[in-house]
Structure formats: C-alpha cells, structure tokens
C-alpha cells in the first residue's frame, strides 16, 4: 500500500547549526535545539510531507520512531525503489521529502539524528500524534491510549545521551570553523 501525497499537510524542518562562543556546536531544527522547542503536531490518520532541509556542513541519518515513511520528490511522487523506511541519510546541504501517515498510534514520538553527538547537541524533537494538548515542553495526552513503547524508547535514548555526554565530550570539536 502506498501513502497518498494528495492533500498532505506540509511540514518544513531546517537542520541548523550554530557555533557557540566556547567553540562548541549547537544543532537545531528551525534554528532551535530540541530543549527550546514545542513538539510538531499530527492528527490521527493525517498524512504529512516533511521537507527536511539540511543546512549544515555534515550529513545526518534522520530516524523517526514509531512510524514509517516514503521518500518522495517535489511533486510528492515516491522516489524509487518504492520502500518504507524509518531512517534516511540527509547529506550535507541537501533537501529530502518524507511522506508519513500517522495512523492509529497516538502519543509523543521522537525523531532525531542517529549521530548521538548531533542529537545531544540539539538535533532531535518529537511529534505529538492524536488528541494532544501541547503546552511548551509539557505534553498532556488526552487520547484514549498513550503508546508506552514511544516513552520507553525516549527513556532509553535519554540514557544513551547521558552516557554519550560523558564519553563523547572528549571528541567534541572545539576549533572554529566557517559555517
């Protein structure tokens, strides 16, 4: 079964990077790191086309938890071979379009760069699916069921970030680079 792009809601995410005064990098989506953003929102059954614009000088393997997507062109047609994915590499300075249908699994679902240093640096977020009231960082689920698996993966990912923060900090770039 193919997703249909006709009538799909358009969502744009710009992967950004800023070099801070201490020389470290802060990644973001639409100019903000994950801790300074609200979740993206999708209704149950809604199909969206996510336009992912990688404005950074690095590639990012983008991963969406809980749902599969199809890679599509500018007109919303599937890019061959026809396949469902949950991860796609977005090369530096390129754009990709993903067609995703948020079916019957309400809850807050994470997406992130699979390079943990990039995710830790701000390149991740969530999509609130279903009847959910989004208030800043607090998401109140008012749908009939919250998906425990999504929250489990978020907890596992947070543990990975805390581990990576200690182990990867010595590999963090500190030199100035031109962005």
Foldseek 3Di string as FASTA:
>chain_A
DDDDPVPAAEAEWEWDWDQDPQQFIAIETPPFFALQDWAAEAEAFGKHKYKYFAADQAKFWKFWPPWWWFWADPVRHGDPPTDTHRIDIDGHRHITIIITTRHDAFAKIKMAGPPLVNNLSGGIYIYGYHDWDIDGHDIDDPDPDHDVVRVVVVVVSVVVNVVCCVVVVVVTGRDDDDD
